[in-house]
Amino acid sequence: MQRELVNIIDRLPASAINSLLEYAEFLLLKYDIVSEKEEEELSEEMKVFLTKRMERHEANREKAIGIEELKNRLNKKYGFELECNS
């Protein structure tokens, strides 16, 4: 099966290969498949950002809202329903 897929890809024009790559990335997200690259450790910059964000959250817990409230506010502001598997 993999050989057949490679043969088909080899016959595609460059523009179609780009579309195929985008679709493959979409499927990985859809089926929640994590690549080895995505499992790499966070950068120091991202760790600092997340730490500061968590500190702000901890210091202001009373301002936090739940996912349902967030969905309601976005629906009211933008007029569309959000589906969230929380």
C-alpha atoms as a PDB file:
ATOM      1  CA  MET A   1       0.000   0.000   0.000  1.00  0.00           C
ATOM      2  CA  GLN A   2       2.803   2.472   0.864  1.00  0.00           C
ATOM      3  CA  ARG A   3       4.540   1.788  -2.442  1.00  0.00           C
ATOM      4  CA  GLU A   4       1.284   2.451  -4.297  1.00  0.00           C
ATOM      5  CA  LEU A   5       0.895   5.746  -2.444  1.00  0.00           C
ATOM      6  CA  VAL A   6       4.458   6.771  -3.292  1.00  0.00           C
ATOM      7  CA  ASN A   7       3.863   5.938  -6.971  1.00  0.00           C
ATOM      8  CA  ILE A   8       0.752   8.114  -7.025  1.00  0.00           C
ATOM      9  CA  ILE A   9       2.540  10.998  -5.303  1.00  0.00           C
ATOM     10  CA  ASP A  10       5.416  10.776  -7.788  1.00  0.00           C
ATOM     11  CA  ARG A  11       2.975  11.397 -10.650  1.00  0.00           C
ATOM     12  CA  LEU A  12       1.419  14.514  -9.100  1.00  0.00           C
ATOM     13  CA  PRO A  13       2.369  18.052 -10.159  1.00  0.00           C
ATOM     14  CA  ALA A  14       4.120  20.231  -7.559  1.00  0.00           C
ATOM     15  CA  SER A  15       0.974  22.260  -6.821  1.00  0.00           C
ATOM     16  CA  ALA A  16      -0.970  19.101  -6.017  1.00  0.00           C
ATOM     17  CA  ILE A  17       1.813  17.855  -3.742  1.00  0.00           C
ATOM     18  CA  ASN A  18       1.533  21.042  -1.691  1.00  0.00           C
ATOM     19  CA  SER A  19      -2.216  20.478  -1.343  1.00  0.00           C
ATOM     20  CA  LEU A  20      -1.605  16.855  -0.428  1.00  0.00           C
ATOM     21  CA  LEU A  21       0.868  17.897   2.275  1.00  0.00           C
ATOM     22  CA  GLU A  22      -1.648  20.342   3.747  1.00  0.00           C
ATOM     23  CA  TYR A  23      -4.339  17.659   3.722  1.00  0.00           C
ATOM     24  CA  ALA A  24      -2.014  15.139   5.384  1.00  0.00           C
ATOM     25  CA  GLU A  25      -1.256  17.687   8.126  1.00  0.00           C
ATOM     26  CA  PHE A  26      -5.017  18.213   8.550  1.00  0.00           C
ATOM     27  CA  LEU A  27      -5.536  14.462   8.958  1.00  0.00           C
ATOM     28  CA  LEU A  28      -2.797  14.276  11.575  1.00  0.00           C
ATOM     29  CA  LEU A  29      -4.573  16.993  13.560  1.00  0.00           C
ATOM     30  CA  LYS A  30      -7.993  15.424  13.038  1.00  0.00           C
ATOM     31  CA  TYR A  31      -6.872  12.061  14.352  1.00  0.00           C
ATOM     32  CA  ASP A  32      -4.730  13.670  17.077  1.00  0.00           C
ATOM     33  CA  ILE A  33      -1.511  12.109  15.818  1.00  0.00           C
ATOM     34  CA  VAL A  34       1.530  13.795  17.323  1.00  0.00           C
ATOM     35  CA  SER A  35       4.786  13.723  15.413  1.00  0.00           C
ATOM     36  CA  GLU A  36       8.149  13.292  17.086  1.00  0.00           C
ATOM     37  CA  LYS A  37       8.940  16.923  16.295  1.00  0.00           C
ATOM     38  CA  GLU A  38       5.863  18.098  18.219  1.00  0.00           C
ATOM     39  CA  GLU A  39       6.939  16.074  21.246  1.00  0.00           C
ATOM     40  CA  GLU A  40      10.137  18.075  21.585  1.00  0.00           C
ATOM     41  CA  GLU A  41      10.672  20.146  24.710  1.00  0.00           C
ATOM     42  CA  LEU A  42       9.332  23.693  24.836  1.00  0.00           C
ATOM     43  CA  SER A  43      11.721  26.540  24.132  1.00  0.00           C
ATOM     44  CA  GLU A  44      12.908  28.642  27.064  1.00  0.00           C
ATOM     45  CA  GLU A  45      10.944  31.585  25.665  1.00  0.00           C
ATOM     46  CA  MET A  46       7.739  29.535  25.643  1.00  0.00           C
ATOM     47  CA  LYS A  47       8.406  28.223  29.165  1.00  0.00           C
ATOM     48  CA  VAL A  48       8.829  31.800  30.457  1.00  0.00           C
ATOM     49  CA  PHE A  49       5.652  32.899  28.680  1.00  0.00           C
ATOM     50  CA  LEU A  50       3.620  30.010  30.104  1.00  0.00           C
ATOM     51  CA  THR A  51       5.029  30.507  33.602  1.00  0.00           C
ATOM     52  CA  LYS A  52       4.077  34.201  33.573  1.00  0.00           C
ATOM     53  CA  ARG A  53       0.651  33.360  32.231  1.00  0.00           C
ATOM     54  CA  MET A  54       0.083  30.790  34.962  1.00  0.00           C
ATOM     55  CA  GLU A  55       1.258  33.253  37.629  1.00  0.00           C
ATOM     56  CA  ARG A  56      -1.246  35.852  36.375  1.00  0.00           C
ATOM     57  CA  HIS A  57      -3.983  33.232  36.456  1.00  0.00           C
ATOM     58  CA  GLU A  58      -3.083  32.123  39.995  1.00  0.00           C
ATOM     59  CA  ALA A  59      -3.046  35.754  41.183  1.00  0.00           C
ATOM     60  CA  ASN A  60      -6.443  36.525  39.633  1.00  0.00           C
ATOM     61  CA  ARG A  61      -8.461  33.321  39.869  1.00  0.00           C
ATOM     62  CA  GLU A  62     -11.650  35.285  40.571  1.00  0.00           C
ATOM     63  CA  LYS A  63     -11.464  36.749  37.052  1.00  0.00           C
ATOM     64  CA  ALA A  64     -11.272  33.332  35.376  1.00  0.00           C
ATOM     65  CA  ILE A  65     -14.323  32.062  33.494  1.00  0.00           C
ATOM     66  CA  GLY A  66     -15.329  28.557  32.497  1.00  0.00           C
ATOM     67  CA  ILE A  67     -15.491  27.223  28.969  1.00  0.00           C
ATOM     68  CA  GLU A  68     -19.292  27.467  28.821  1.00  0.00           C
ATOM     69  CA  GLU A  69     -19.191  31.157  29.794  1.00  0.00           C
ATOM     70  CA  LEU A  70     -16.487  31.775  27.188  1.00  0.00           C
ATOM     71  CA  LYS A  71     -18.597  30.087  24.512  1.00  0.00           C
ATOM     72  CA  ASN A  72     -21.642  32.155  25.530  1.00  0.00           C
ATOM     73  CA  ARG A  73     -19.681  35.419  25.363  1.00  0.00           C
ATOM     74  CA  LEU A  74     -18.223  34.595  21.949  1.00  0.00           C
ATOM     75  CA  ASN A  75     -21.636  33.565  20.657  1.00  0.00           C
ATOM     76  CA  LYS A  76     -23.152  36.808  21.920  1.00  0.00           C
ATOM     77  CA  LYS A  77     -20.352  38.936  20.463  1.00  0.00           C
ATOM     78  CA  TYR A  78     -19.896  37.174  17.101  1.00  0.00           C
ATOM     79  CA  GLY A  79     -23.197  35.363  16.660  1.00  0.00           C
ATOM     80  CA  PHE A  80     -22.075  31.785  16.174  1.00  0.00           C
ATOM     81  CA  GLU A  81     -22.246  28.606  18.176  1.00  0.00           C
ATOM     82  CA  LEU A  82     -19.020  26.975  19.306  1.00  0.00           C
ATOM     83  CA  GLU A  83     -18.675  23.272  19.878  1.00  0.00           C
ATOM     84  CA  CYS A  84     -16.177  22.286  22.513  1.00  0.00           C
ATOM     85  CA  ASN A  85     -15.421  18.879  23.933  1.00  0.00           C
ATOM     86  CA  SER A  86     -14.602  19.909  27.474  1.00  0.00           C
END
